Amino acid sequence: MGPRVRKIQRRDDAVLAIEQTHDLAELTALLAAVGLPADGPEQANRCCLAARVGGRPVGVAAVETRLDVAVLGTLAVIVEKRRQGIGTALLAGARSAAHTRGARSFYALAPPSVAEFLRRSGFAPAPMSEATTALRGTLIGDRLTVDPLNPASCQAWLLDISSDGIIHR
């Protein structure tokens, strides 16, 4: 069975598709297009999602999981396609991927410039020390232990996804 594809009809009649990808060349090119290093997409515990509009890659998200914790490793959309809901769709796909892999807590480490986006998406600020402890054993968590981030340039965010998929009656 192939990867599950979620398609959203856009106003300009182009179709937005969010799908899991293993195409390292495409991921590397997308990350380079937004000025980010291609760091770790080939890891076994990392799920990479690509956003395509009309078949053209325009965004990427990566989720790393460990036991019941996940971290959003990357979320980026090319400049000319920003503010069109693509980042929100990628984040929804990343959240679903984290939940599917057993995560109950979903962390994001992000610059202050995306604080409002994360807040609108349900994330709440979390202490960096809590994130560092929770993410031990992940590539990102292990890097935080060796080289802590400057709180002025990066903040920790947490989203409880433990009840995702539960039907409340």
N, C-alpha and C. Protein backbone atom coordinates (compact mmCIF):
# COMPACT_ATOMS: atom_id res chain seq x y z
N MET A 1 0.84 -1.17 0.00
CA MET A 1 0.00 0.00 0.00
C MET A 1 0.89 1.24 0.00
N GLY A 2 0.62 2.19 -0.87
CA GLY A 2 1.43 3.39 -1.00
C GLY A 2 1.16 4.38 0.11
N PRO A 3 1.92 5.50 0.14
CA PRO A 3 1.73 6.50 1.18
C PRO A 3 0.37 7.17 1.06
N ARG A 4 -0.17 7.51 2.20
CA ARG A 4 -1.46 8.20 2.23
C ARG A 4 -1.24 9.66 1.83
N VAL A 5 -2.03 10.15 0.91
CA VAL A 5 -1.88 11.51 0.40
C VAL A 5 -3.11 12.31 0.79
N ARG A 6 -2.87 13.47 1.32
CA ARG A 6 -3.97 14.37 1.66
C ARG A 6 -3.92 15.52 0.68
N LYS A 7 -5.01 15.71 -0.05
CA LYS A 7 -5.04 16.78 -1.05
C LYS A 7 -6.09 17.81 -0.65
N ILE A 8 -5.71 19.06 -0.83
CA ILE A 8 -6.59 20.17 -0.51
C ILE A 8 -6.74 21.02 -1.76
N GLN A 9 -7.96 21.28 -2.19
CA GLN A 9 -8.18 22.10 -3.38
C GLN A 9 -7.88 23.57 -3.04
N ARG A 10 -7.06 24.21 -3.82
CA ARG A 10 -6.69 25.60 -3.60
C ARG A 10 -7.52 26.50 -4.50
N ARG A 11 -7.59 27.80 -4.15
CA ARG A 11 -8.35 28.76 -4.95
C ARG A 11 -7.85 28.86 -6.39
N ASP A 12 -6.55 28.73 -6.57
CA ASP A 12 -5.99 28.86 -7.92
C ASP A 12 -6.03 27.54 -8.68
N ASP A 13 -6.86 26.61 -8.22
CA ASP A 13 -7.06 25.30 -8.85
C ASP A 13 -5.83 24.39 -8.82
N ALA A 14 -4.77 24.82 -8.12
CA ALA A 14 -3.63 23.93 -7.92
C ALA A 14 -3.95 23.08 -6.70
N VAL A 15 -3.52 21.85 -6.69
CA VAL A 15 -3.79 20.94 -5.59
C VAL A 15 -2.58 20.92 -4.65
N LEU A 16 -2.86 21.08 -3.36
CA LEU A 16 -1.82 20.96 -2.34
C LEU A 16 -1.84 19.52 -1.84
N ALA A 17 -0.70 18.85 -1.91
CA ALA A 17 -0.58 17.48 -1.41
C ALA A 17 0.49 17.45 -0.33
N ILE A 18 0.15 16.86 0.81
CA ILE A 18 1.11 16.64 1.89
C ILE A 18 1.32 15.14 1.95
N GLU A 19 2.57 14.71 1.76
CA GLU A 19 2.83 13.27 1.75
C GLU A 19 4.20 12.96 2.29
N GLN A 20 4.34 11.76 2.84
CA GLN A 20 5.62 11.31 3.34
C GLN A 20 6.55 11.10 2.15
N THR A 21 7.81 11.45 2.33
CA THR A 21 8.78 11.28 1.25
C THR A 21 10.06 10.69 1.78
N HIS A 22 10.74 9.95 0.92
CA HIS A 22 12.05 9.39 1.22
C HIS A 22 13.07 9.89 0.20
N ASP A 23 12.68 10.88 -0.59
CA ASP A 23 13.53 11.42 -1.64
C ASP A 23 14.50 12.43 -1.03
N LEU A 24 15.70 11.96 -0.68
CA LEU A 24 16.69 12.82 0.00
C LEU A 24 17.13 13.99 -0.88
N ALA A 25 17.21 13.78 -2.18
CA ALA A 25 17.62 14.87 -3.08
C ALA A 25 16.58 15.99 -3.05
N GLU A 26 15.30 15.61 -3.08
CA GLU A 26 14.23 16.61 -3.03
C GLU A 26 14.25 17.35 -1.70
N LEU A 27 14.41 16.61 -0.60
CA LEU A 27 14.45 17.24 0.73
C LEU A 27 15.63 18.20 0.85
N THR A 28 16.78 17.78 0.37
CA THR A 28 17.98 18.62 0.42
C THR A 28 17.76 19.90 -0.39
N ALA A 29 17.17 19.78 -1.56
CA ALA A 29 16.90 20.95 -2.41
C ALA A 29 15.89 21.89 -1.75
N LEU A 30 14.84 21.34 -1.13
CA LEU A 30 13.85 22.18 -0.44
C LEU A 30 14.48 22.93 0.72
N LEU A 31 15.28 22.22 1.51
CA LEU A 31 15.93 22.86 2.65
C LEU A 31 16.90 23.94 2.18
N ALA A 32 17.64 23.68 1.12
CA ALA A 32 18.56 24.69 0.58
C ALA A 32 17.79 25.90 0.07
N ALA A 33 16.62 25.68 -0.52
CA ALA A 33 15.82 26.78 -1.06
C ALA A 33 15.33 27.74 0.03
N VAL A 34 15.17 27.23 1.26
CA VAL A 34 14.73 28.09 2.36
C VAL A 34 15.89 28.46 3.29
N GLY A 35 17.11 28.09 2.90
CA GLY A 35 18.29 28.49 3.66
C GLY A 35 18.57 27.65 4.90
N LEU A 36 18.11 26.40 4.91
CA LEU A 36 18.37 25.52 6.05
C LEU A 36 19.30 24.39 5.65
N PRO A 37 20.10 23.90 6.61
CA PRO A 37 20.98 22.77 6.30
C PRO A 37 20.20 21.47 6.20
N ALA A 38 20.64 20.59 5.33
CA ALA A 38 20.03 19.25 5.22
C ALA A 38 20.68 18.41 6.29
N ASP A 39 19.99 18.27 7.42
CA ASP A 39 20.59 17.66 8.58
C ASP A 39 19.74 16.52 9.12
N GLY A 40 20.11 15.30 8.82
CA GLY A 40 19.48 14.14 9.41
C GLY A 40 18.21 13.61 8.79
N PRO A 41 17.78 14.00 7.56
CA PRO A 41 16.53 13.45 7.05
C PRO A 41 16.56 11.96 6.81
N GLU A 42 17.76 11.38 6.75
CA GLU A 42 17.87 9.95 6.47
C GLU A 42 17.75 9.08 7.72
N GLN A 43 17.59 9.66 8.88
CA GLN A 43 17.50 8.90 10.12
C GLN A 43 16.28 7.99 10.14
N ALA A 44 16.45 6.83 10.75
CA ALA A 44 15.37 5.85 10.78
C ALA A 44 14.16 6.31 11.59
N ASN A 45 14.39 7.09 12.65
CA ASN A 45 13.27 7.52 13.49
C ASN A 45 12.73 8.89 13.10
N ARG A 46 13.02 9.31 11.89
CA ARG A 46 12.55 10.60 11.39
C ARG A 46 11.59 10.40 10.23
N CYS A 47 10.46 11.09 10.28
CA CYS A 47 9.47 11.07 9.20
C CYS A 47 9.54 12.41 8.49
N CYS A 48 9.76 12.39 7.20
CA CYS A 48 9.82 13.62 6.42
C CYS A 48 8.59 13.74 5.53
N LEU A 49 7.99 14.91 5.57
CA LEU A 49 6.81 15.20 4.76
C LEU A 49 7.17 16.29 3.76
N ALA A 50 6.64 16.17 2.56
CA ALA A 50 6.82 17.19 1.54
C ALA A 50 5.47 17.77 1.17
N ALA A 51 5.45 19.06 0.95
CA ALA A 51 4.25 19.73 0.45
C ALA A 51 4.50 20.02 -1.02
N ARG A 52 3.51 19.68 -1.83
CA ARG A 52 3.62 19.95 -3.27
C ARG A 52 2.38 20.70 -3.71
N VAL A 53 2.58 21.71 -4.53
CA VAL A 53 1.46 22.43 -5.14
C VAL A 53 1.57 22.21 -6.64
N GLY A 54 0.54 21.60 -7.20
CA GLY A 54 0.57 21.28 -8.62
C GLY A 54 1.73 20.37 -8.97
N GLY A 55 2.14 19.50 -8.02
CA GLY A 55 3.24 18.57 -8.25
C GLY A 55 4.61 19.14 -7.93
N ARG A 56 4.71 20.45 -7.72
CA ARG A 56 6.00 21.10 -7.44
C ARG A 56 6.26 21.15 -5.94
N PRO A 57 7.43 20.68 -5.46
CA PRO A 57 7.73 20.72 -4.03
C PRO A 57 7.86 22.17 -3.54
N VAL A 58 7.14 22.50 -2.46
CA VAL A 58 7.15 23.88 -1.95
C VAL A 58 7.40 23.96 -0.45
N GLY A 59 7.41 22.82 0.25
CA GLY A 59 7.62 22.86 1.69
C GLY A 59 8.02 21.51 2.23
N VAL A 60 8.53 21.53 3.46
CA VAL A 60 9.01 20.31 4.09
C VAL A 60 8.77 20.39 5.59
N ALA A 61 8.49 19.25 6.19
CA ALA A 61 8.41 19.11 7.64
C ALA A 61 9.07 17.79 8.00
N ALA A 62 9.75 17.78 9.14
CA ALA A 62 10.37 16.56 9.62
C ALA A 62 10.01 16.37 11.09
N VAL A 63 9.66 15.15 11.43
CA VAL A 63 9.30 14.80 12.80
C VAL A 63 10.21 13.67 13.26
N GLU A 64 10.80 13.85 14.42
CA GLU A 64 11.63 12.80 15.01
C GLU A 64 10.92 12.28 16.25
N THR A 65 10.81 10.97 16.37
CA THR A 65 10.11 10.38 17.51
C THR A 65 11.02 9.50 18.33
N ARG A 66 10.70 9.44 19.61
CA ARG A 66 11.38 8.53 20.54
C ARG A 66 10.38 8.17 21.62
N LEU A 67 10.02 6.91 21.67
CA LEU A 67 9.02 6.41 22.61
C LEU A 67 7.74 7.22 22.49
N ASP A 68 7.37 7.96 23.54
CA ASP A 68 6.10 8.70 23.50
C ASP A 68 6.30 10.20 23.31
N VAL A 69 7.47 10.60 22.80
CA VAL A 69 7.78 12.01 22.58
C VAL A 69 8.19 12.21 21.13
N ALA A 70 7.77 13.34 20.57
CA ALA A 70 8.18 13.69 19.20
C ALA A 70 8.63 15.15 19.20
N VAL A 71 9.46 15.47 18.24
CA VAL A 71 9.91 16.84 18.08
C VAL A 71 9.83 17.21 16.60
N LEU A 72 9.34 18.41 16.36
CA LEU A 72 9.29 18.94 15.01
C LEU A 72 10.70 19.42 14.68
N GLY A 73 11.38 18.67 13.82
CA GLY A 73 12.77 18.99 13.49
C GLY A 73 12.89 20.11 12.48
N THR A 74 11.96 20.18 11.56
CA THR A 74 11.98 21.18 10.50
C THR A 74 10.55 21.47 10.09
N LEU A 75 10.28 22.71 9.77
CA LEU A 75 9.03 23.11 9.13
C LEU A 75 9.38 24.34 8.31
N ALA A 76 9.32 24.20 6.99
CA ALA A 76 9.71 25.31 6.12
C ALA A 76 8.91 25.29 4.83
N VAL A 77 8.59 26.48 4.36
CA VAL A 77 7.88 26.66 3.09
C VAL A 77 8.67 27.68 2.28
N ILE A 78 8.80 27.45 0.97
CA ILE A 78 9.54 28.40 0.14
C ILE A 78 8.86 29.77 0.20
N VAL A 79 9.64 30.81 0.08
CA VAL A 79 9.19 32.18 0.32
C VAL A 79 7.95 32.55 -0.49
N GLU A 80 7.93 32.25 -1.77
CA GLU A 80 6.80 32.68 -2.61
C GLU A 80 5.49 31.96 -2.32
N LYS A 81 5.53 30.90 -1.49
CA LYS A 81 4.31 30.16 -1.16
C LYS A 81 3.89 30.32 0.30
N ARG A 82 4.56 31.21 1.03
CA ARG A 82 4.21 31.42 2.43
C ARG A 82 2.90 32.18 2.56
N ARG A 83 2.27 32.02 3.72
CA ARG A 83 1.00 32.68 4.06
C ARG A 83 -0.15 32.20 3.17
N GLN A 84 -0.09 30.93 2.77
CA GLN A 84 -1.14 30.34 1.96
C GLN A 84 -1.70 29.07 2.61
N GLY A 85 -1.36 28.84 3.87
CA GLY A 85 -1.86 27.68 4.59
C GLY A 85 -1.02 26.43 4.44
N ILE A 86 0.08 26.51 3.72
CA ILE A 86 0.91 25.33 3.49
C ILE A 86 1.62 24.91 4.77
N GLY A 87 2.15 25.87 5.52
CA GLY A 87 2.80 25.56 6.79
C GLY A 87 1.84 24.92 7.77
N THR A 88 0.62 25.43 7.82
CA THR A 88 -0.41 24.87 8.69
C THR A 88 -0.73 23.43 8.29
N ALA A 89 -0.83 23.18 6.99
CA ALA A 89 -1.10 21.82 6.49
C ALA A 89 0.07 20.89 6.81
N LEU A 90 1.30 21.38 6.66
CA LEU A 90 2.47 20.57 6.99
C LEU A 90 2.50 20.26 8.48
N LEU A 91 2.18 21.25 9.32
CA LEU A 91 2.17 21.02 10.76
C LEU A 91 1.10 20.00 11.14
N ALA A 92 -0.06 20.06 10.51
CA ALA A 92 -1.11 19.08 10.77
C ALA A 92 -0.63 17.68 10.38
N GLY A 93 0.06 17.57 9.26
CA GLY A 93 0.61 16.28 8.84
C GLY A 93 1.68 15.79 9.80
N ALA A 94 2.51 16.71 10.28
CA ALA A 94 3.57 16.35 11.23
C ALA A 94 2.96 15.88 12.55
N ARG A 95 1.91 16.57 12.98
CA ARG A 95 1.22 16.18 14.22
C ARG A 95 0.63 14.77 14.07
N SER A 96 0.02 14.51 12.95
CA SER A 96 -0.55 13.19 12.68
C SER A 96 0.53 12.12 12.65
N ALA A 97 1.66 12.44 12.02
CA ALA A 97 2.78 11.48 11.95
C ALA A 97 3.32 11.19 13.35
N ALA A 98 3.43 12.22 14.18
CA ALA A 98 3.92 12.03 15.55
C ALA A 98 2.96 11.14 16.33
N HIS A 99 1.68 11.42 16.23
CA HIS A 99 0.67 10.64 16.95
C HIS A 99 0.66 9.18 16.46
N THR A 100 0.73 8.99 15.16
CA THR A 100 0.73 7.65 14.58
C THR A 100 1.92 6.83 15.08
N ARG A 101 3.02 7.50 15.36
CA ARG A 101 4.23 6.82 15.84
C ARG A 101 4.24 6.68 17.36
N GLY A 102 3.12 6.99 18.03
CA GLY A 102 2.99 6.76 19.47
C GLY A 102 3.30 7.93 20.37
N ALA A 103 3.58 9.09 19.82
CA ALA A 103 3.91 10.25 20.66
C ALA A 103 2.68 10.77 21.37
N ARG A 104 2.90 11.20 22.60
CA ARG A 104 1.85 11.83 23.40
C ARG A 104 2.18 13.30 23.62
N SER A 105 3.46 13.62 23.51
CA SER A 105 3.93 15.00 23.65
C SER A 105 4.67 15.37 22.38
N PHE A 106 4.38 16.56 21.86
CA PHE A 106 4.97 17.02 20.60
C PHE A 106 5.66 18.35 20.86
N TYR A 107 6.97 18.36 20.75
CA TYR A 107 7.76 19.56 21.00
C TYR A 107 8.14 20.25 19.69
N ALA A 108 8.36 21.53 19.79
CA ALA A 108 8.92 22.32 18.70
C ALA A 108 9.94 23.26 19.32
N LEU A 109 11.08 23.39 18.68
CA LEU A 109 12.10 24.35 19.09
C LEU A 109 12.18 25.35 17.96
N ALA A 110 11.86 26.61 18.28
CA ALA A 110 11.70 27.57 17.20
C ALA A 110 12.12 28.97 17.62
N PRO A 111 12.48 29.79 16.64
CA PRO A 111 12.81 31.18 16.95
C PRO A 111 11.56 31.95 17.37
N PRO A 112 11.75 33.04 18.12
CA PRO A 112 10.60 33.84 18.56
C PRO A 112 9.72 34.34 17.42
N SER A 113 10.25 34.44 16.22
CA SER A 113 9.47 34.96 15.08
C SER A 113 8.29 34.06 14.70
N VAL A 114 8.29 32.80 15.11
CA VAL A 114 7.18 31.90 14.79
C VAL A 114 6.31 31.59 16.00
N ALA A 115 6.51 32.34 17.07
CA ALA A 115 5.76 32.10 18.31
C ALA A 115 4.25 32.17 18.08
N GLU A 116 3.77 33.16 17.37
CA GLU A 116 2.33 33.32 17.16
C GLU A 116 1.76 32.16 16.34
N PHE A 117 2.49 31.71 15.34
CA PHE A 117 2.05 30.56 14.53
C PHE A 117 1.89 29.32 15.41
N LEU A 118 2.89 29.05 16.25
CA LEU A 118 2.82 27.88 17.12
C LEU A 118 1.69 28.03 18.14
N ARG A 119 1.51 29.21 18.68
CA ARG A 119 0.43 29.45 19.65
C ARG A 119 -0.93 29.19 19.00
N ARG A 120 -1.13 29.70 17.77
CA ARG A 120 -2.39 29.46 17.05
C ARG A 120 -2.61 27.98 16.76
N SER A 121 -1.53 27.24 16.67
CA SER A 121 -1.60 25.81 16.37
C SER A 121 -1.77 24.96 17.62
N GLY A 122 -1.88 25.60 18.79
CA GLY A 122 -2.14 24.88 20.02
C GLY A 122 -0.94 24.64 20.91
N PHE A 123 0.25 25.00 20.46
CA PHE A 123 1.45 24.83 21.28
C PHE A 123 1.47 25.85 22.41
N ALA A 124 2.10 25.49 23.52
CA ALA A 124 2.30 26.40 24.65
C ALA A 124 3.79 26.46 24.95
N PRO A 125 4.28 27.60 25.42
CA PRO A 125 5.69 27.68 25.78
C PRO A 125 6.05 26.64 26.83
N ALA A 126 7.24 26.09 26.72
CA ALA A 126 7.73 25.09 27.68
C ALA A 126 9.15 25.47 28.08
N PRO A 127 9.55 25.15 29.30
CA PRO A 127 10.93 25.42 29.70
C PRO A 127 11.90 24.61 28.84
N MET A 128 12.98 25.24 28.43
CA MET A 128 13.98 24.57 27.60
C MET A 128 14.57 23.37 28.34
N SER A 129 14.73 23.48 29.66
CA SER A 129 15.28 22.35 30.43
C SER A 129 14.35 21.14 30.37
N GLU A 130 13.04 21.38 30.36
CA GLU A 130 12.06 20.30 30.24
C GLU A 130 12.17 19.64 28.87
N ALA A 131 12.29 20.46 27.82
CA ALA A 131 12.42 19.93 26.46
C ALA A 131 13.70 19.13 26.31
N THR A 132 14.79 19.63 26.86
CA THR A 132 16.08 18.94 26.77
C THR A 132 15.99 17.56 27.41
N THR A 133 15.36 17.49 28.58
CA THR A 133 15.21 16.21 29.28
C THR A 133 14.30 15.27 28.50
N ALA A 134 13.16 15.77 28.05
CA ALA A 134 12.18 14.93 27.33
C ALA A 134 12.73 14.41 26.01
N LEU A 135 13.58 15.18 25.37
CA LEU A 135 14.05 14.82 24.03
C LEU A 135 15.38 14.05 24.03
N ARG A 136 15.87 13.66 25.21
CA ARG A 136 17.10 12.86 25.25
C ARG A 136 16.91 11.60 24.42
N GLY A 137 17.92 11.28 23.64
CA GLY A 137 17.84 10.10 22.79
C GLY A 137 17.43 10.43 21.37
N THR A 138 16.99 11.66 21.12
CA THR A 138 16.72 12.10 19.76
C THR A 138 17.95 12.87 19.28
N LEU A 139 18.11 13.01 17.99
CA LEU A 139 19.22 13.78 17.44
C LEU A 139 19.20 15.20 18.00
N ILE A 140 18.02 15.81 17.99
CA ILE A 140 17.89 17.19 18.47
C ILE A 140 18.16 17.28 19.97
N GLY A 141 17.59 16.37 20.74
CA GLY A 141 17.79 16.37 22.19
C GLY A 141 19.25 16.17 22.56
N ASP A 142 19.92 15.25 21.87
CA ASP A 142 21.34 15.02 22.16
C ASP A 142 22.19 16.24 21.81
N ARG A 143 21.82 16.94 20.76
CA ARG A 143 22.54 18.18 20.41
C ARG A 143 22.33 19.25 21.47
N LEU A 144 21.11 19.32 22.01
CA LEU A 144 20.82 20.31 23.06
C LEU A 144 21.67 20.06 24.30
N THR A 145 21.92 18.80 24.60
CA THR A 145 22.73 18.46 25.76
C THR A 145 24.16 18.93 25.57
N VAL A 146 24.69 18.76 24.37
CA VAL A 146 26.07 19.13 24.07
C VAL A 146 26.21 20.63 23.85
N ASP A 147 25.25 21.23 23.15
CA ASP A 147 25.33 22.64 22.77
C ASP A 147 23.97 23.31 23.01
N PRO A 148 23.71 23.77 24.25
CA PRO A 148 22.41 24.39 24.55
C PRO A 148 22.15 25.60 23.66
N LEU A 149 20.88 25.79 23.32
CA LEU A 149 20.49 26.92 22.48
C LEU A 149 20.36 28.19 23.31
N ASN A 150 20.62 29.30 22.68
CA ASN A 150 20.45 30.60 23.31
C ASN A 150 18.95 30.88 23.42
N PRO A 151 18.44 31.11 24.63
CA PRO A 151 17.00 31.36 24.80
C PRO A 151 16.48 32.55 24.00
N ALA A 152 17.34 33.49 23.68
CA ALA A 152 16.91 34.65 22.88
C ALA A 152 16.70 34.28 21.43
N SER A 153 17.34 33.21 20.96
CA SER A 153 17.22 32.83 19.56
C SER A 153 16.31 31.61 19.34
N CYS A 154 15.99 30.89 20.40
CA CYS A 154 15.17 29.69 20.24
C CYS A 154 14.39 29.43 21.52
N GLN A 155 13.12 29.09 21.33
CA GLN A 155 12.24 28.78 22.44
C GLN A 155 11.69 27.37 22.28
N ALA A 156 11.35 26.75 23.41
CA ALA A 156 10.74 25.42 23.39
C ALA A 156 9.23 25.58 23.48
N TRP A 157 8.52 24.76 22.73
CA TRP A 157 7.06 24.76 22.70
C TRP A 157 6.58 23.33 22.85
N LEU A 158 5.43 23.14 23.47
CA LEU A 158 4.90 21.80 23.72
C LEU A 158 3.43 21.74 23.37
N LEU A 159 3.05 20.65 22.72
CA LEU A 159 1.65 20.37 22.39
C LEU A 159 1.32 18.97 22.89
N ASP A 160 0.27 18.87 23.71
CA ASP A 160 -0.18 17.58 24.21
C ASP A 160 -1.05 16.93 23.13
N ILE A 161 -0.57 15.82 22.58
CA ILE A 161 -1.34 15.13 21.54
C ILE A 161 -1.83 13.78 22.05
N SER A 162 -1.86 13.63 23.37
CA SER A 162 -2.24 12.34 23.95
C SER A 162 -3.68 11.95 23.66
N SER A 163 -4.55 12.91 23.41
CA SER A 163 -5.94 12.56 23.13
C SER A 163 -6.29 12.65 21.64
N ASP A 164 -5.30 12.86 20.79
CA ASP A 164 -5.56 12.86 19.35
C ASP A 164 -6.12 11.49 18.96
N GLY A 165 -7.15 11.50 18.18
CA GLY A 165 -7.73 10.25 17.71
C GLY A 165 -8.75 9.61 18.64
N ILE A 166 -8.88 10.17 19.85
CA ILE A 166 -9.87 9.63 20.79
C ILE A 166 -11.23 10.25 20.48
N ILE A 167 -12.23 9.41 20.41
CA ILE A 167 -13.59 9.89 20.16
C ILE A 167 -14.26 10.11 21.50
N HIS A 168 -14.66 11.35 21.75
CA HIS A 168 -15.37 11.68 22.99
C HIS A 168 -16.86 11.69 22.70
N ARG A 169 -17.63 10.99 23.51
CA ARG A 169 -19.09 10.94 23.33
C ARG A 169 -19.78 11.56 24.50
